[in-house]
Amino acid sequence: MEDSNNQYRTLHFLVKRGDFVANGIALAVLLLGPIVWLISGSLWAVPVAIGAAAFLLLILRSYVEMVRVIVDMLLPK
């Protein structure tokens, strides 16, 4: 039988580095707002980016927590 660490690499990656990934993606979306504002001149891009980054951070962090619960309860140690 295959080792569980090799079989579920993505899950173990999210357990170890999920917070960093979620924060990085949300920060990238947050920084995209001022960049779009500078390129296009549309000031609405900044508040939209702030809202999208906050929502995305919430969704991604909850997903990481669900993966941690699944790994902790269902995968063999």
PDB file of N, CA and C in Angstrom:
ATOM      1  N   MET A   1       0.837  -1.178   0.000  1.00  0.00           N
ATOM      2  CA  MET A   1       0.000   0.000   0.000  1.00  0.00           C
ATOM      3  C   MET A   1       0.882   1.241   0.000  1.00  0.00           C
ATOM      4  N   GLU A   2       0.420   2.264  -0.657  1.00  0.00           N
ATOM      5  CA  GLU A   2       1.184   3.495  -0.790  1.00  0.00           C
ATOM      6  C   GLU A   2       1.174   4.290   0.515  1.00  0.00           C
ATOM      7  N   ASP A   3       2.282   4.949   0.799  1.00  0.00           N
ATOM      8  CA  ASP A   3       2.384   5.777   1.995  1.00  0.00           C
ATOM      9  C   ASP A   3       1.414   6.954   1.896  1.00  0.00           C
ATOM     10  N   SER A   4       0.716   7.271   2.998  1.00  0.00           N
ATOM     11  CA  SER A   4      -0.296   8.329   2.960  1.00  0.00           C
ATOM     12  C   SER A   4       0.323   9.694   2.694  1.00  0.00           C
ATOM     13  N   ASN A   5       1.588   9.895   3.050  1.00  0.00           N
ATOM     14  CA  ASN A   5       2.232  11.169   2.755  1.00  0.00           C
ATOM     15  C   ASN A   5       2.437  11.362   1.260  1.00  0.00           C
ATOM     16  N   ASN A   6       2.688  10.288   0.531  1.00  0.00           N
ATOM     17  CA  ASN A   6       2.855  10.381  -0.917  1.00  0.00           C
ATOM     18  C   ASN A   6       1.511  10.393  -1.632  1.00  0.00           C
ATOM     19  N   GLN A   7       0.516   9.766  -1.054  1.00  0.00           N
ATOM     20  CA  GLN A   7      -0.777   9.655  -1.722  1.00  0.00           C
ATOM     21  C   GLN A   7      -1.574  10.962  -1.663  1.00  0.00           C
ATOM     22  N   TYR A   8      -1.438  11.720  -0.609  1.00  0.00           N
ATOM     23  CA  TYR A   8      -2.225  12.946  -0.421  1.00  0.00           C
ATOM     24  C   TYR A   8      -1.301  14.158  -0.278  1.00  0.00           C
ATOM     25  N   ARG A   9      -0.482  14.374  -1.271  1.00  0.00           N
ATOM     26  CA  ARG A   9       0.507  15.456  -1.197  1.00  0.00           C
ATOM     27  C   ARG A   9      -0.143  16.829  -1.115  1.00  0.00           C
ATOM     28  N   THR A  10      -1.199  17.062  -1.867  1.00  0.00           N
ATOM     29  CA  THR A  10      -1.849  18.371  -1.870  1.00  0.00           C
ATOM     30  C   THR A  10      -2.483  18.679  -0.525  1.00  0.00           C
ATOM     31  N   LEU A  11      -3.121  17.693   0.075  1.00  0.00           N
ATOM     32  CA  LEU A  11      -3.718  17.903   1.385  1.00  0.00           C
ATOM     33  C   LEU A  11      -2.658  18.222   2.431  1.00  0.00           C
ATOM     34  N   HIS A  12      -1.560  17.501   2.401  1.00  0.00           N
ATOM     35  CA  HIS A  12      -0.499  17.755   3.373  1.00  0.00           C
ATOM     36  C   HIS A  12       0.172  19.110   3.120  1.00  0.00           C
ATOM     37  N   PHE A  13       0.260  19.514   1.862  1.00  0.00           N
ATOM     38  CA  PHE A  13       0.784  20.844   1.547  1.00  0.00           C
ATOM     39  C   PHE A  13      -0.118  21.925   2.135  1.00  0.00           C
ATOM     40  N   LEU A  14      -1.436  21.766   1.985  1.00  0.00           N
ATOM     41  CA  LEU A  14      -2.369  22.751   2.530  1.00  0.00           C
ATOM     42  C   LEU A  14      -2.367  22.771   4.055  1.00  0.00           C
ATOM     43  N   VAL A  15      -2.167  21.626   4.677  1.00  0.00           N
ATOM     44  CA  VAL A  15      -2.106  21.597   6.138  1.00  0.00           C
ATOM     45  C   VAL A  15      -0.884  22.377   6.624  1.00  0.00           C
ATOM     46  N   LYS A  16       0.247  22.191   5.963  1.00  0.00           N
ATOM     47  CA  LYS A  16       1.478  22.834   6.407  1.00  0.00           C
ATOM     48  C   LYS A  16       1.560  24.306   6.011  1.00  0.00           C
ATOM     49  N   ARG A  17       1.168  24.629   4.786  1.00  0.00           N
ATOM     50  CA  ARG A  17       1.405  25.971   4.260  1.00  0.00           C
ATOM     51  C   ARG A  17       0.129  26.691   3.837  1.00  0.00           C
ATOM     52  N   GLY A  18      -1.016  26.224   4.279  1.00  0.00           N
ATOM     53  CA  GLY A  18      -2.282  26.801   3.848  1.00  0.00           C
ATOM     54  C   GLY A  18      -2.483  28.239   4.269  1.00  0.00           C
ATOM     55  N   ASP A  19      -2.071  28.589   5.481  1.00  0.00           N
ATOM     56  CA  ASP A  19      -2.226  29.969   5.944  1.00  0.00           C
ATOM     57  C   ASP A  19      -1.388  30.924   5.099  1.00  0.00           C
ATOM     58  N   PHE A  20      -0.164  30.518   4.794  1.00  0.00           N
ATOM     59  CA  PHE A  20       0.712  31.339   3.965  1.00  0.00           C
ATOM     60  C   PHE A  20       0.136  31.525   2.566  1.00  0.00           C
ATOM     61  N   VAL A  21      -0.392  30.463   1.989  1.00  0.00           N
ATOM     62  CA  VAL A  21      -0.976  30.533   0.649  1.00  0.00           C
ATOM     63  C   VAL A  21      -2.201  31.442   0.646  1.00  0.00           C
ATOM     64  N   ALA A  22      -3.086  31.289   1.638  1.00  0.00           N
ATOM     65  CA  ALA A  22      -4.289  32.115   1.717  1.00  0.00           C
ATOM     66  C   ALA A  22      -3.933  33.588   1.884  1.00  0.00           C
ATOM     67  N   ASN A  23      -2.987  33.878   2.765  1.00  0.00           N
ATOM     68  CA  ASN A  23      -2.573  35.268   2.968  1.00  0.00           C
ATOM     69  C   ASN A  23      -1.922  35.844   1.721  1.00  0.00           C
ATOM     70  N   GLY A  24      -1.123  35.052   1.042  1.00  0.00           N
ATOM     71  CA  GLY A  24      -0.456  35.521  -0.179  1.00  0.00           C
ATOM     72  C   GLY A  24      -1.428  35.827  -1.305  1.00  0.00           C
ATOM     73  N   ILE A  25      -2.422  34.969  -1.485  1.00  0.00           N
ATOM     74  CA  ILE A  25      -3.410  35.205  -2.539  1.00  0.00           C
ATOM     75  C   ILE A  25      -4.239  36.441  -2.223  1.00  0.00           C
ATOM     76  N   ALA A  26      -4.658  36.581  -0.971  1.00  0.00           N
ATOM     77  CA  ALA A  26      -5.444  37.758  -0.583  1.00  0.00           C
ATOM     78  C   ALA A  26      -4.614  39.036  -0.723  1.00  0.00           C
ATOM     79  N   LEU A  27      -3.350  38.988  -0.366  1.00  0.00           N
ATOM     80  CA  LEU A  27      -2.491  40.158  -0.508  1.00  0.00           C
ATOM     81  C   LEU A  27      -2.288  40.525  -1.979  1.00  0.00           C
ATOM     82  N   ALA A  28      -2.171  39.531  -2.831  1.00  0.00           N
ATOM     83  CA  ALA A  28      -2.020  39.793  -4.261  1.00  0.00           C
ATOM     84  C   ALA A  28      -3.258  40.488  -4.819  1.00  0.00           C
ATOM     85  N   VAL A  29      -4.438  40.045  -4.401  1.00  0.00           N
ATOM     86  CA  VAL A  29      -5.675  40.690  -4.856  1.00  0.00           C
ATOM     87  C   VAL A  29      -5.760  42.112  -4.300  1.00  0.00           C
ATOM     88  N   LEU A  30      -5.345  42.291  -3.061  1.00  0.00           N
ATOM     89  CA  LEU A  30      -5.365  43.618  -2.448  1.00  0.00           C
ATOM     90  C   LEU A  30      -4.429  44.580  -3.179  1.00  0.00           C
ATOM     91  N   LEU A  31      -3.263  44.122  -3.556  1.00  0.00           N
ATOM     92  CA  LEU A  31      -2.318  44.966  -4.280  1.00  0.00           C
ATOM     93  C   LEU A  31      -2.732  45.214  -5.722  1.00  0.00           C
ATOM     94  N   LEU A  32      -3.596  44.388  -6.247  1.00  0.00           N
ATOM     95  CA  LEU A  32      -4.070  44.556  -7.612  1.00  0.00           C
ATOM     96  C   LEU A  32      -4.960  45.789  -7.758  1.00  0.00           C
ATOM     97  N   GLY A  33      -5.664  46.174  -6.684  1.00  0.00           N
ATOM     98  CA  GLY A  33      -6.553  47.337  -6.735  1.00  0.00           C
ATOM     99  C   GLY A  33      -5.838  48.632  -7.094  1.00  0.00           C
ATOM    100  N   PRO A  34      -4.797  49.015  -6.344  1.00  0.00           N
ATOM    101  CA  PRO A  34      -4.085  50.241  -6.716  1.00  0.00           C
ATOM    102  C   PRO A  34      -3.391  50.162  -8.077  1.00  0.00           C
ATOM    103  N   ILE A  35      -2.974  48.974  -8.463  1.00  0.00           N
ATOM    104  CA  ILE A  35      -2.345  48.822  -9.779  1.00  0.00           C
ATOM    105  C   ILE A  35      -3.364  49.090 -10.882  1.00  0.00           C
ATOM    106  N   VAL A  36      -4.560  48.521 -10.737  1.00  0.00           N
ATOM    107  CA  VAL A  36      -5.619  48.768 -11.726  1.00  0.00           C
ATOM    108  C   VAL A  36      -6.005  50.247 -11.727  1.00  0.00           C
ATOM    109  N   TRP A  37      -6.027  50.858 -10.545  1.00  0.00           N
ATOM    110  CA  TRP A  37      -6.355  52.280 -10.448  1.00  0.00           C
ATOM    111  C   TRP A  37      -5.324  53.131 -11.192  1.00  0.00           C
ATOM    112  N   LEU A  38      -4.040  52.816 -11.015  1.00  0.00           N
ATOM    113  CA  LEU A  38      -2.998  53.580 -11.690  1.00  0.00           C
ATOM    114  C   LEU A  38      -3.026  53.377 -13.197  1.00  0.00           C
ATOM    115  N   ILE A  39      -3.331  52.174 -13.639  1.00  0.00           N
ATOM    116  CA  ILE A  39      -3.344  51.885 -15.069  1.00  0.00           C
ATOM    117  C   ILE A  39      -4.574  52.470 -15.747  1.00  0.00           C
ATOM    118  N   SER A  40      -5.751  52.271 -15.139  1.00  0.00           N
ATOM    119  CA  SER A  40      -6.992  52.667 -15.810  1.00  0.00           C
ATOM    120  C   SER A  40      -7.544  54.009 -15.339  1.00  0.00           C
ATOM    121  N   GLY A  41      -7.178  54.445 -14.144  1.00  0.00           N
ATOM    122  CA  GLY A  41      -7.720  55.683 -13.616  1.00  0.00           C
ATOM    123  C   GLY A  41      -9.063  55.519 -12.936  1.00  0.00           C
ATOM    124  N   SER A  42      -9.551  54.309 -12.842  1.00  0.00           N
ATOM    125  CA  SER A  42     -10.844  54.040 -12.205  1.00  0.00           C
ATOM    126  C   SER A  42     -10.639  53.852 -10.708  1.00  0.00           C
ATOM    127  N   LEU A  43     -11.154  54.799  -9.933  1.00  0.00           N
ATOM    128  CA  LEU A  43     -10.948  54.752  -8.488  1.00  0.00           C
ATOM    129  C   LEU A  43     -11.743  53.635  -7.827  1.00  0.00           C
ATOM    130  N   TRP A  44     -12.778  53.126  -8.472  1.00  0.00           N
ATOM    131  CA  TRP A  44     -13.595  52.060  -7.895  1.00  0.00           C
ATOM    132  C   TRP A  44     -12.807  50.773  -7.702  1.00  0.00           C
ATOM    133  N   ALA A  45     -11.677  50.630  -8.365  1.00  0.00           N
ATOM    134  CA  ALA A  45     -10.899  49.388  -8.278  1.00  0.00           C
ATOM    135  C   ALA A  45     -10.333  49.168  -6.880  1.00  0.00           C
ATOM    136  N   VAL A  46     -10.029  50.235  -6.156  1.00  0.00           N
ATOM    137  CA  VAL A  46      -9.428  50.087  -4.828  1.00  0.00           C
ATOM    138  C   VAL A  46     -10.420  49.504  -3.821  1.00  0.00           C
ATOM    139  N   PRO A  47     -11.629  50.080  -3.659  1.00  0.00           N
ATOM    140  CA  PRO A  47     -12.555  49.457  -2.700  1.00  0.00           C
ATOM    141  C   PRO A  47     -13.021  48.064  -3.118  1.00  0.00           C
ATOM    142  N   VAL A  48     -13.131  47.826  -4.407  1.00  0.00           N
ATOM    143  CA  VAL A  48     -13.502  46.490  -4.873  1.00  0.00           C
ATOM    144  C   VAL A  48     -12.400  45.496  -4.520  1.00  0.00           C
ATOM    145  N   ALA A  49     -11.155  45.886  -4.681  1.00  0.00           N
ATOM    146  CA  ALA A  49     -10.036  45.004  -4.341  1.00  0.00           C
ATOM    147  C   ALA A  49      -9.980  44.745  -2.841  1.00  0.00           C
ATOM    148  N   ILE A  50     -10.279  45.759  -2.031  1.00  0.00           N
ATOM    149  CA  ILE A  50     -10.283  45.567  -0.576  1.00  0.00           C
ATOM    150  C   ILE A  50     -11.371  44.574  -0.179  1.00  0.00           C
ATOM    151  N   GLY A  51     -12.563  44.744  -0.727  1.00  0.00           N
ATOM    152  CA  GLY A  51     -13.654  43.815  -0.422  1.00  0.00           C
ATOM    153  C   GLY A  51     -13.383  42.413  -0.926  1.00  0.00           C
ATOM    154  N   ALA A  52     -12.855  42.315  -2.131  1.00  0.00           N
ATOM    155  CA  ALA A  52     -12.558  41.001  -2.700  1.00  0.00           C
ATOM    156  C   ALA A  52     -11.459  40.292  -1.917  1.00  0.00           C
ATOM    157  N   ALA A  53     -10.450  41.037  -1.484  1.00  0.00           N
ATOM    158  CA  ALA A  53      -9.360  40.430  -0.713  1.00  0.00           C
ATOM    159  C   ALA A  53      -9.860  39.933   0.639  1.00  0.00           C
ATOM    160  N   ALA A  54     -10.723  40.721   1.294  1.00  0.00           N
ATOM    161  CA  ALA A  54     -11.261  40.301   2.590  1.00  0.00           C
ATOM    162  C   ALA A  54     -12.130  39.051   2.438  1.00  0.00           C
ATOM    163  N   PHE A  55     -12.992  39.036   1.426  1.00  0.00           N
ATOM    164  CA  PHE A  55     -13.851  37.878   1.189  1.00  0.00           C
ATOM    165  C   PHE A  55     -13.025  36.655   0.826  1.00  0.00           C
ATOM    166  N   LEU A  56     -12.043  36.838  -0.030  1.00  0.00           N
ATOM    167  CA  LEU A  56     -11.208  35.723  -0.458  1.00  0.00           C
ATOM    168  C   LEU A  56     -10.398  35.162   0.704  1.00  0.00           C
ATOM    169  N   LEU A  57      -9.898  36.030   1.576  1.00  0.00           N
ATOM    170  CA  LEU A  57      -9.162  35.563   2.743  1.00  0.00           C
ATOM    171  C   LEU A  57     -10.060  34.723   3.643  1.00  0.00           C
ATOM    172  N   LEU A  58     -11.280  35.172   3.860  1.00  0.00           N
ATOM    173  CA  LEU A  58     -12.227  34.422   4.682  1.00  0.00           C
ATOM    174  C   LEU A  58     -12.524  33.046   4.080  1.00  0.00           C
ATOM    175  N   ILE A  59     -12.779  33.009   2.803  1.00  0.00           N
ATOM    176  CA  ILE A  59     -13.102  31.746   2.129  1.00  0.00           C
ATOM    177  C   ILE A  59     -11.901  30.798   2.129  1.00  0.00           C
ATOM    178  N   LEU A  60     -10.734  31.305   1.802  1.00  0.00           N
ATOM    179  CA  LEU A  60      -9.551  30.445   1.737  1.00  0.00           C
ATOM    180  C   LEU A  60      -9.138  29.929   3.107  1.00  0.00           C
ATOM    181  N   ARG A  61      -9.221  30.785   4.134  1.00  0.00           N
ATOM    182  CA  ARG A  61      -8.865  30.324   5.480  1.00  0.00           C
ATOM    183  C   ARG A  61      -9.842  29.256   5.971  1.00  0.00           C
ATOM    184  N   SER A  62     -11.126  29.410   5.660  1.00  0.00           N
ATOM    185  CA  SER A  62     -12.089  28.389   6.078  1.00  0.00           C
ATOM    186  C   SER A  62     -11.850  27.083   5.315  1.00  0.00           C
ATOM    187  N   TYR A  63     -11.465  27.167   4.059  1.00  0.00           N
ATOM    188  CA  TYR A  63     -11.147  25.977   3.291  1.00  0.00           C
ATOM    189  C   TYR A  63      -9.940  25.252   3.894  1.00  0.00           C
ATOM    190  N   VAL A  64      -8.913  26.001   4.276  1.00  0.00           N
ATOM    191  CA  VAL A  64      -7.731  25.398   4.887  1.00  0.00           C
ATOM    192  C   VAL A  64      -8.106  24.719   6.203  1.00  0.00           C
ATOM    193  N   GLU A  65      -8.955  25.346   6.985  1.00  0.00           N
ATOM    194  CA  GLU A  65      -9.389  24.730   8.248  1.00  0.00           C
ATOM    195  C   GLU A  65     -10.175  23.441   8.000  1.00  0.00           C
ATOM    196  N   MET A  66     -11.027  23.432   6.979  1.00  0.00           N
ATOM    197  CA  MET A  66     -11.759  22.200   6.655  1.00  0.00           C
ATOM    198  C   MET A  66     -10.815  21.096   6.219  1.00  0.00           C
ATOM    199  N   VAL A  67      -9.809  21.433   5.447  1.00  0.00           N
ATOM    200  CA  VAL A  67      -8.825  20.433   5.025  1.00  0.00           C
ATOM    201  C   VAL A  67      -8.073  19.892   6.236  1.00  0.00           C
ATOM    202  N   ARG A  68      -7.735  20.760   7.176  1.00  0.00           N
ATOM    203  CA  ARG A  68      -7.037  20.303   8.390  1.00  0.00           C
ATOM    204  C   ARG A  68      -7.902  19.353   9.204  1.00  0.00           C
ATOM    205  N   VAL A  69      -9.183  19.637   9.316  1.00  0.00           N
ATOM    206  CA  VAL A  69     -10.082  18.746  10.052  1.00  0.00           C
ATOM    207  C   VAL A  69     -10.186  17.408   9.340  1.00  0.00           C
ATOM    208  N   ILE A  70     -10.319  17.424   8.032  1.00  0.00           N
ATOM    209  CA  ILE A  70     -10.427  16.185   7.262  1.00  0.00           C
ATOM    210  C   ILE A  70      -9.163  15.350   7.417  1.00  0.00           C
ATOM    211  N   VAL A  71      -8.024  15.983   7.285  1.00  0.00           N
ATOM    212  CA  VAL A  71      -6.756  15.260   7.405  1.00  0.00           C
ATOM    213  C   VAL A  71      -6.596  14.705   8.814  1.00  0.00           C
ATOM    214  N   ASP A  72      -6.944  15.487   9.806  1.00  0.00           N
ATOM    215  CA  ASP A  72      -6.784  15.053  11.185  1.00  0.00           C
ATOM    216  C   ASP A  72      -7.697  13.890  11.537  1.00  0.00           C
ATOM    217  N   MET A  73      -8.913  13.896  11.006  1.00  0.00           N
ATOM    218  CA  MET A  73      -9.892  12.872  11.400  1.00  0.00           C
ATOM    219  C   MET A  73      -9.900  11.646  10.485  1.00  0.00           C
ATOM    220  N   LEU A  74      -9.643  11.827   9.207  1.00  0.00           N
ATOM    221  CA  LEU A  74      -9.881  10.739   8.275  1.00  0.00           C
ATOM    222  C   LEU A  74      -8.625  10.053   7.731  1.00  0.00           C
ATOM    223  N   LEU A  75      -7.523  10.762   7.655  1.00  0.00           N
ATOM    224  CA  LEU A  75      -6.342  10.128   7.076  1.00  0.00           C
ATOM    225  C   LEU A  75      -5.567   9.366   8.140  1.00  0.00           C
ATOM    226  N   PRO A  76      -4.999   8.238   7.762  1.00  0.00           N
ATOM    227  CA  PRO A  76      -4.208   7.483   8.736  1.00  0.00           C
ATOM    228  C   PRO A  76      -2.938   8.226   9.076  1.00  0.00           C
ATOM    229  N   LYS A  77      -2.513   8.056  10.297  1.00  0.00           N
ATOM    230  CA  LYS A  77      -1.291   8.728  10.767  1.00  0.00           C
ATOM    231  C   LYS A  77      -0.077   7.929  10.409  1.00  0.00           C
TER     232      LYS A  77
END
